[in-house]
Amino acid sequence: MPDLTLKDKKFQVPKKCVQVIKRNFDSFDGPKTTEGYNRAKNIINNPTISFQLLKKINNFFRTVEKDSWPYKLTGGDYGMKVFKRMEDEARRKESSSRKNKMRGEMMNTHKKPHEKRGIDLTKTDPVPRITKNELIEQIGRINKLIKDL
């Protein structure tokens, strides 16, 4: 659920991680079609990445062979630690933010507000409004039913 709110967020790649990627990028002499080459080039030129790319990088680290060029071009061991920590921290912040709002007695922050036929169902009053006369009338009916038993 936190991914929906993180969808449009941007994250700054730490300078040290960019330096590691740049050092590996500069020492790379293989073809430009190697997986991770364009990603490394983009991170070096603009170290701001989206949450989708952050998730993609972490998934990449789960499947790639260590000590291969694609692995090194994405930051190697250091990059793997940094990107994993960035994603975990982003998810933890979003989750704790929601929990704090709920502790502050806000409505359930995990539910999205929705509308049906132009009526916001999350803001309707669940308790029906009854006048005093209607209430007295209902009590009278209940008392009559009890006496008849």
N, C-alpha and C. Protein backbone atom coordinates (compact mmCIF):
# COMPACT_ATOMS: atom_id res chain seq x y z
N MET A 1 0.80 -1.20 0.00
CA MET A 1 0.00 0.00 0.00
C MET A 1 0.85 1.27 0.00
N PRO A 2 1.98 1.30 0.71
CA PRO A 2 2.77 2.53 0.69
C PRO A 2 3.29 2.89 -0.70
N ASP A 3 3.39 1.90 -1.59
CA ASP A 3 3.91 2.20 -2.92
C ASP A 3 3.05 3.20 -3.68
N LEU A 4 1.76 3.25 -3.40
CA LEU A 4 0.89 4.19 -4.09
C LEU A 4 1.27 5.62 -3.75
N THR A 5 1.62 5.89 -2.52
CA THR A 5 1.98 7.25 -2.14
C THR A 5 3.43 7.58 -2.49
N LEU A 6 4.25 6.57 -2.68
CA LEU A 6 5.65 6.80 -3.04
C LEU A 6 5.85 6.86 -4.55
N LYS A 7 4.81 6.58 -5.30
CA LYS A 7 4.90 6.42 -6.75
C LYS A 7 5.59 7.61 -7.44
N ASP A 8 5.26 8.82 -7.05
CA ASP A 8 5.79 10.01 -7.73
C ASP A 8 6.96 10.65 -7.00
N LYS A 9 7.48 10.01 -5.99
CA LYS A 9 8.59 10.59 -5.22
C LYS A 9 9.91 10.38 -5.94
N LYS A 10 10.82 11.32 -5.72
CA LYS A 10 12.17 11.27 -6.28
C LYS A 10 13.16 11.14 -5.13
N PHE A 11 14.25 10.45 -5.39
CA PHE A 11 15.26 10.22 -4.37
C PHE A 11 16.63 10.62 -4.89
N GLN A 12 17.41 11.22 -4.02
CA GLN A 12 18.75 11.67 -4.37
C GLN A 12 19.74 10.55 -4.04
N VAL A 13 20.50 10.13 -5.04
CA VAL A 13 21.52 9.10 -4.82
C VAL A 13 22.69 9.76 -4.10
N PRO A 14 23.18 9.17 -3.01
CA PRO A 14 24.29 9.77 -2.27
C PRO A 14 25.53 9.96 -3.15
N LYS A 15 26.30 11.02 -2.84
CA LYS A 15 27.48 11.36 -3.65
C LYS A 15 28.49 10.22 -3.71
N LYS A 16 28.70 9.56 -2.58
CA LYS A 16 29.68 8.47 -2.55
C LYS A 16 29.27 7.34 -3.49
N CYS A 17 27.97 7.05 -3.53
CA CYS A 17 27.48 6.00 -4.42
C CYS A 17 27.66 6.42 -5.88
N VAL A 18 27.40 7.69 -6.18
CA VAL A 18 27.60 8.20 -7.54
C VAL A 18 29.08 8.09 -7.91
N GLN A 19 29.97 8.37 -6.96
CA GLN A 19 31.42 8.27 -7.22
C GLN A 19 31.82 6.83 -7.52
N VAL A 20 31.26 5.88 -6.78
CA VAL A 20 31.56 4.45 -7.02
C VAL A 20 31.08 4.06 -8.41
N ILE A 21 29.87 4.48 -8.76
CA ILE A 21 29.33 4.16 -10.08
C ILE A 21 30.18 4.80 -11.17
N LYS A 22 30.59 6.05 -10.96
CA LYS A 22 31.41 6.76 -11.96
C LYS A 22 32.77 6.09 -12.13
N ARG A 23 33.38 5.68 -11.02
CA ARG A 23 34.69 5.01 -11.09
C ARG A 23 34.58 3.71 -11.91
N ASN A 24 33.52 2.92 -11.65
CA ASN A 24 33.32 1.69 -12.40
C ASN A 24 32.96 1.98 -13.86
N PHE A 25 32.19 3.03 -14.08
CA PHE A 25 31.79 3.43 -15.44
C PHE A 25 33.01 3.84 -16.26
N ASP A 26 33.92 4.60 -15.64
CA ASP A 26 35.12 5.05 -16.33
C ASP A 26 36.07 3.90 -16.66
N SER A 27 36.10 2.86 -15.82
CA SER A 27 37.00 1.74 -16.07
C SER A 27 36.37 0.69 -17.00
N PHE A 28 35.11 0.87 -17.35
CA PHE A 28 34.41 -0.08 -18.22
C PHE A 28 34.84 0.13 -19.66
N ASP A 29 35.20 -0.96 -20.36
CA ASP A 29 35.62 -0.84 -21.76
C ASP A 29 34.83 -1.77 -22.68
N GLY A 30 33.70 -2.24 -22.18
CA GLY A 30 32.87 -3.17 -22.96
C GLY A 30 31.88 -2.42 -23.86
N PRO A 31 30.97 -3.16 -24.46
CA PRO A 31 29.99 -2.53 -25.35
C PRO A 31 28.96 -1.69 -24.57
N LYS A 32 28.44 -0.68 -25.25
CA LYS A 32 27.45 0.20 -24.62
C LYS A 32 26.09 -0.48 -24.44
N THR A 33 25.92 -1.63 -25.02
CA THR A 33 24.66 -2.36 -24.89
C THR A 33 24.63 -3.21 -23.62
N THR A 34 25.70 -3.21 -22.84
CA THR A 34 25.75 -3.97 -21.61
C THR A 34 24.67 -3.47 -20.65
N GLU A 35 24.00 -4.42 -20.00
CA GLU A 35 22.95 -4.05 -19.06
C GLU A 35 23.55 -3.19 -17.94
N GLY A 36 22.90 -2.10 -17.63
CA GLY A 36 23.36 -1.21 -16.57
C GLY A 36 24.17 -0.04 -17.08
N TYR A 37 24.63 -0.08 -18.34
CA TYR A 37 25.47 0.99 -18.88
C TYR A 37 24.70 2.31 -18.92
N ASN A 38 23.52 2.30 -19.53
CA ASN A 38 22.72 3.53 -19.64
C ASN A 38 22.24 4.00 -18.27
N ARG A 39 21.88 3.07 -17.41
CA ARG A 39 21.44 3.44 -16.06
C ARG A 39 22.57 4.14 -15.32
N ALA A 40 23.79 3.60 -15.41
CA ALA A 40 24.94 4.22 -14.75
C ALA A 40 25.20 5.61 -15.31
N LYS A 41 25.12 5.72 -16.62
CA LYS A 41 25.35 7.02 -17.28
C LYS A 41 24.31 8.04 -16.81
N ASN A 42 23.05 7.63 -16.72
CA ASN A 42 21.99 8.54 -16.27
C ASN A 42 22.15 8.94 -14.80
N ILE A 43 22.55 8.00 -13.96
CA ILE A 43 22.75 8.31 -12.54
C ILE A 43 23.92 9.27 -12.36
N ILE A 44 24.96 9.11 -13.16
CA ILE A 44 26.10 10.02 -13.07
C ILE A 44 25.70 11.43 -13.51
N ASN A 45 24.93 11.53 -14.59
CA ASN A 45 24.51 12.84 -15.10
C ASN A 45 23.45 13.50 -14.23
N ASN A 46 22.53 12.70 -13.70
CA ASN A 46 21.45 13.23 -12.86
C ASN A 46 21.20 12.24 -11.73
N PRO A 47 21.78 12.49 -10.54
CA PRO A 47 21.66 11.51 -9.45
C PRO A 47 20.31 11.50 -8.73
N THR A 48 19.26 11.99 -9.38
CA THR A 48 17.92 11.92 -8.82
C THR A 48 17.16 10.80 -9.53
N ILE A 49 16.64 9.84 -8.76
CA ILE A 49 15.95 8.71 -9.36
C ILE A 49 14.53 8.60 -8.81
N SER A 50 13.67 7.98 -9.58
CA SER A 50 12.29 7.78 -9.15
C SER A 50 12.19 6.53 -8.27
N PHE A 51 11.05 6.41 -7.61
CA PHE A 51 10.83 5.23 -6.76
C PHE A 51 10.75 3.97 -7.61
N GLN A 52 10.17 4.09 -8.82
CA GLN A 52 10.08 2.93 -9.70
C GLN A 52 11.48 2.43 -10.07
N LEU A 53 12.39 3.37 -10.39
CA LEU A 53 13.75 2.98 -10.74
C LEU A 53 14.46 2.38 -9.52
N LEU A 54 14.21 2.93 -8.36
CA LEU A 54 14.81 2.40 -7.14
C LEU A 54 14.40 0.95 -6.91
N LYS A 55 13.11 0.66 -7.10
CA LYS A 55 12.63 -0.72 -6.97
C LYS A 55 13.25 -1.61 -8.04
N LYS A 56 13.37 -1.08 -9.26
CA LYS A 56 13.95 -1.86 -10.36
C LYS A 56 15.41 -2.20 -10.08
N ILE A 57 16.15 -1.23 -9.55
CA ILE A 57 17.56 -1.47 -9.22
C ILE A 57 17.69 -2.54 -8.15
N ASN A 58 16.85 -2.47 -7.11
CA ASN A 58 16.91 -3.47 -6.05
C ASN A 58 16.53 -4.86 -6.56
N ASN A 59 15.58 -4.93 -7.45
CA ASN A 59 15.22 -6.21 -8.06
C ASN A 59 16.37 -6.72 -8.93
N PHE A 60 17.03 -5.82 -9.62
CA PHE A 60 18.19 -6.17 -10.44
C PHE A 60 19.28 -6.81 -9.59
N PHE A 61 19.54 -6.24 -8.41
CA PHE A 61 20.58 -6.78 -7.53
C PHE A 61 20.23 -8.18 -7.03
N ARG A 62 18.95 -8.52 -6.94
CA ARG A 62 18.55 -9.85 -6.49
C ARG A 62 18.84 -10.93 -7.53
N THR A 63 18.90 -10.53 -8.79
CA THR A 63 19.03 -11.53 -9.85
C THR A 63 20.38 -11.53 -10.56
N VAL A 64 21.15 -10.47 -10.43
CA VAL A 64 22.40 -10.35 -11.20
C VAL A 64 23.54 -11.13 -10.53
N GLU A 65 24.46 -11.55 -11.35
CA GLU A 65 25.62 -12.27 -10.85
C GLU A 65 26.63 -11.28 -10.29
N LYS A 66 27.12 -11.55 -9.07
CA LYS A 66 28.09 -10.65 -8.46
C LYS A 66 29.39 -10.64 -9.27
N ASP A 67 30.07 -9.51 -9.22
CA ASP A 67 31.35 -9.27 -9.89
C ASP A 67 31.23 -9.24 -11.41
N SER A 68 30.02 -9.17 -11.94
CA SER A 68 29.85 -8.98 -13.38
C SER A 68 29.84 -7.48 -13.66
N TRP A 69 30.02 -7.10 -14.92
CA TRP A 69 30.03 -5.68 -15.25
C TRP A 69 28.69 -5.00 -14.98
N PRO A 70 27.56 -5.61 -15.28
CA PRO A 70 26.30 -4.95 -14.93
C PRO A 70 26.20 -4.67 -13.43
N TYR A 71 26.68 -5.61 -12.62
CA TYR A 71 26.67 -5.44 -11.17
C TYR A 71 27.55 -4.27 -10.76
N LYS A 72 28.75 -4.21 -11.34
CA LYS A 72 29.68 -3.12 -11.01
C LYS A 72 29.17 -1.77 -11.49
N LEU A 73 28.55 -1.75 -12.68
CA LEU A 73 28.05 -0.49 -13.23
C LEU A 73 26.89 0.09 -12.40
N THR A 74 26.26 -0.73 -11.62
CA THR A 74 25.16 -0.27 -10.77
C THR A 74 25.65 0.03 -9.36
N GLY A 75 26.92 -0.06 -9.12
CA GLY A 75 27.50 0.33 -7.83
C GLY A 75 28.12 -0.80 -7.05
N GLY A 76 27.98 -2.02 -7.53
CA GLY A 76 28.59 -3.15 -6.84
C GLY A 76 28.01 -3.38 -5.46
N ASP A 77 28.86 -3.86 -4.54
CA ASP A 77 28.40 -4.15 -3.18
C ASP A 77 27.91 -2.89 -2.47
N TYR A 78 28.63 -1.79 -2.66
CA TYR A 78 28.24 -0.54 -2.00
C TYR A 78 26.89 -0.04 -2.53
N GLY A 79 26.73 -0.10 -3.85
CA GLY A 79 25.46 0.33 -4.45
C GLY A 79 24.30 -0.52 -3.97
N MET A 80 24.54 -1.83 -3.85
CA MET A 80 23.49 -2.73 -3.41
C MET A 80 23.03 -2.34 -2.00
N LYS A 81 23.95 -2.04 -1.09
CA LYS A 81 23.60 -1.64 0.27
C LYS A 81 22.84 -0.31 0.28
N VAL A 82 23.35 0.66 -0.49
CA VAL A 82 22.76 2.01 -0.49
C VAL A 82 21.35 1.99 -1.05
N PHE A 83 21.15 1.35 -2.20
CA PHE A 83 19.83 1.35 -2.82
C PHE A 83 18.82 0.56 -1.98
N LYS A 84 19.25 -0.52 -1.36
CA LYS A 84 18.37 -1.30 -0.48
C LYS A 84 17.95 -0.45 0.72
N ARG A 85 18.92 0.25 1.31
CA ARG A 85 18.62 1.10 2.46
C ARG A 85 17.68 2.24 2.07
N MET A 86 17.88 2.82 0.89
CA MET A 86 17.01 3.91 0.43
C MET A 86 15.56 3.44 0.30
N GLU A 87 15.36 2.27 -0.29
CA GLU A 87 14.00 1.76 -0.48
C GLU A 87 13.36 1.41 0.87
N ASP A 88 14.11 0.73 1.73
CA ASP A 88 13.58 0.35 3.04
C ASP A 88 13.21 1.58 3.86
N GLU A 89 14.07 2.59 3.84
CA GLU A 89 13.81 3.81 4.60
C GLU A 89 12.59 4.55 4.07
N ALA A 90 12.42 4.61 2.76
CA ALA A 90 11.25 5.27 2.18
C ALA A 90 9.97 4.56 2.59
N ARG A 91 9.97 3.25 2.53
CA ARG A 91 8.78 2.49 2.92
C ARG A 91 8.49 2.63 4.42
N ARG A 92 9.54 2.61 5.23
CA ARG A 92 9.37 2.73 6.68
C ARG A 92 8.81 4.11 7.04
N LYS A 93 9.31 5.17 6.40
CA LYS A 93 8.82 6.51 6.68
C LYS A 93 7.34 6.63 6.34
N GLU A 94 6.96 6.09 5.19
CA GLU A 94 5.56 6.18 4.78
C GLU A 94 4.67 5.40 5.73
N SER A 95 5.10 4.22 6.12
CA SER A 95 4.31 3.39 7.02
C SER A 95 4.18 4.05 8.39
N SER A 96 5.27 4.60 8.92
CA SER A 96 5.21 5.23 10.25
C SER A 96 4.39 6.51 10.19
N SER A 97 4.40 7.21 9.08
CA SER A 97 3.58 8.41 8.93
C SER A 97 2.10 8.06 9.03
N ARG A 98 1.71 6.99 8.37
CA ARG A 98 0.31 6.55 8.43
C ARG A 98 -0.07 6.12 9.85
N LYS A 99 0.83 5.40 10.51
CA LYS A 99 0.55 4.94 11.86
C LYS A 99 0.41 6.13 12.82
N ASN A 100 1.26 7.14 12.65
CA ASN A 100 1.18 8.32 13.51
C ASN A 100 -0.13 9.07 13.30
N LYS A 101 -0.58 9.14 12.07
CA LYS A 101 -1.86 9.80 11.79
C LYS A 101 -3.00 9.04 12.45
N MET A 102 -2.94 7.71 12.42
CA MET A 102 -3.99 6.92 13.05
C MET A 102 -3.94 7.05 14.57
N ARG A 103 -2.74 7.15 15.13
CA ARG A 103 -2.62 7.36 16.58
C ARG A 103 -3.21 8.71 16.97
N GLY A 104 -3.15 9.66 16.06
CA GLY A 104 -3.72 10.98 16.29
C GLY A 104 -5.21 11.00 16.04
N GLU A 105 -5.81 9.83 15.95
CA GLU A 105 -7.25 9.62 15.80
C GLU A 105 -7.79 10.15 14.48
N MET A 106 -6.98 10.13 13.44
CA MET A 106 -7.49 10.43 12.12
C MET A 106 -8.20 9.17 11.62
N MET A 107 -9.00 9.33 10.59
CA MET A 107 -9.68 8.17 10.02
C MET A 107 -8.64 7.20 9.48
N ASN A 108 -9.06 6.03 9.14
CA ASN A 108 -8.15 5.01 8.63
C ASN A 108 -7.42 5.55 7.41
N THR A 109 -6.12 5.75 7.54
CA THR A 109 -5.33 6.33 6.45
C THR A 109 -4.97 5.31 5.40
N HIS A 110 -5.28 4.04 5.62
CA HIS A 110 -4.99 3.01 4.63
C HIS A 110 -6.10 2.89 3.60
N LYS A 111 -7.25 3.49 3.88
CA LYS A 111 -8.36 3.44 2.93
C LYS A 111 -8.34 4.69 2.08
N LYS A 112 -8.55 4.51 0.80
CA LYS A 112 -8.64 5.65 -0.09
C LYS A 112 -10.05 6.20 -0.05
N PRO A 113 -10.21 7.54 0.00
CA PRO A 113 -11.57 8.08 -0.08
C PRO A 113 -12.15 7.79 -1.46
N HIS A 114 -13.41 7.45 -1.52
CA HIS A 114 -14.01 7.14 -2.80
C HIS A 114 -15.39 7.76 -2.86
N GLU A 115 -15.88 7.91 -4.05
CA GLU A 115 -17.18 8.52 -4.25
C GLU A 115 -18.06 7.60 -5.07
N LYS A 116 -19.36 7.71 -4.85
CA LYS A 116 -20.31 6.95 -5.63
C LYS A 116 -21.48 7.87 -5.92
N ARG A 117 -21.75 8.07 -7.18
CA ARG A 117 -22.84 8.95 -7.61
C ARG A 117 -22.70 10.34 -7.02
N GLY A 118 -21.49 10.84 -6.95
CA GLY A 118 -21.27 12.19 -6.48
C GLY A 118 -21.32 12.36 -4.98
N ILE A 119 -21.51 11.28 -4.22
CA ILE A 119 -21.57 11.35 -2.76
C ILE A 119 -20.29 10.75 -2.20
N ASP A 120 -19.60 11.51 -1.37
CA ASP A 120 -18.39 10.99 -0.75
C ASP A 120 -18.80 10.09 0.40
N LEU A 121 -18.66 8.77 0.21
CA LEU A 121 -19.13 7.80 1.20
C LEU A 121 -18.30 7.79 2.48
N THR A 122 -17.09 8.31 2.42
CA THR A 122 -16.26 8.32 3.62
C THR A 122 -16.65 9.45 4.56
N LYS A 123 -17.47 10.40 4.08
CA LYS A 123 -17.82 11.55 4.92
C LYS A 123 -19.29 11.56 5.32
N THR A 124 -20.03 10.50 5.00
CA THR A 124 -21.43 10.46 5.40
C THR A 124 -21.54 10.14 6.88
N ASP A 125 -22.60 10.64 7.52
CA ASP A 125 -22.83 10.43 8.94
C ASP A 125 -23.48 9.05 9.13
N PRO A 126 -22.82 8.12 9.80
CA PRO A 126 -23.37 6.77 9.93
C PRO A 126 -24.57 6.69 10.88
N VAL A 127 -24.76 7.69 11.76
CA VAL A 127 -25.85 7.65 12.72
C VAL A 127 -27.04 8.42 12.14
N PRO A 128 -28.20 7.76 12.01
CA PRO A 128 -29.36 8.48 11.47
C PRO A 128 -29.86 9.53 12.46
N ARG A 129 -30.32 10.63 11.95
CA ARG A 129 -30.85 11.71 12.79
C ARG A 129 -32.33 11.45 13.10
N ILE A 130 -32.69 11.39 14.38
CA ILE A 130 -34.07 11.14 14.80
C ILE A 130 -34.48 12.29 15.72
N THR A 131 -35.65 12.82 15.50
CA THR A 131 -36.14 13.90 16.36
C THR A 131 -36.61 13.32 17.69
N LYS A 132 -36.82 14.21 18.65
CA LYS A 132 -37.24 13.79 19.99
C LYS A 132 -38.63 13.13 19.95
N ASN A 133 -39.55 13.68 19.16
CA ASN A 133 -40.90 13.11 19.07
C ASN A 133 -40.87 11.71 18.47
N GLU A 134 -40.04 11.50 17.44
CA GLU A 134 -39.93 10.17 16.83
C GLU A 134 -39.37 9.17 17.84
N LEU A 135 -38.43 9.62 18.63
CA LEU A 135 -37.82 8.75 19.63
C LEU A 135 -38.85 8.35 20.70
N ILE A 136 -39.63 9.31 21.17
CA ILE A 136 -40.66 9.02 22.18
C ILE A 136 -41.69 8.05 21.60
N GLU A 137 -42.04 8.24 20.33
CA GLU A 137 -43.00 7.35 19.67
C GLU A 137 -42.46 5.92 19.59
N GLN A 138 -41.19 5.77 19.22
CA GLN A 138 -40.57 4.45 19.12
C GLN A 138 -40.52 3.76 20.49
N ILE A 139 -40.20 4.52 21.53
CA ILE A 139 -40.13 3.96 22.89
C ILE A 139 -41.51 3.48 23.31
N GLY A 140 -42.54 4.25 22.96
CA GLY A 140 -43.91 3.85 23.28
C GLY A 140 -44.27 2.53 22.61
N ARG A 141 -43.90 2.35 21.36
CA ARG A 141 -44.20 1.09 20.64
C ARG A 141 -43.48 -0.08 21.31
N ILE A 142 -42.23 0.14 21.68
CA ILE A 142 -41.44 -0.94 22.31
C ILE A 142 -42.07 -1.32 23.65
N ASN A 143 -42.47 -0.33 24.44
CA ASN A 143 -43.11 -0.61 25.74
C ASN A 143 -44.42 -1.38 25.56
N LYS A 144 -45.20 -1.02 24.52
CA LYS A 144 -46.45 -1.72 24.24
C LYS A 144 -46.18 -3.18 23.89
N LEU A 145 -45.16 -3.43 23.06
CA LEU A 145 -44.79 -4.81 22.69
C LEU A 145 -44.38 -5.62 23.91
N ILE A 146 -43.65 -5.00 24.81
CA ILE A 146 -43.21 -5.69 26.02
C ILE A 146 -44.40 -6.06 26.90
N LYS A 147 -45.38 -5.15 27.04
CA LYS A 147 -46.56 -5.41 27.88
C LYS A 147 -47.40 -6.54 27.28
N ASP A 148 -47.47 -6.61 25.94
CA ASP A 148 -48.29 -7.64 25.29
C ASP A 148 -47.70 -9.03 25.43
N LEU A 149 -46.42 -9.13 25.71
CA LEU A 149 -45.80 -10.44 25.87
C LEU A 149 -46.18 -10.99 27.17
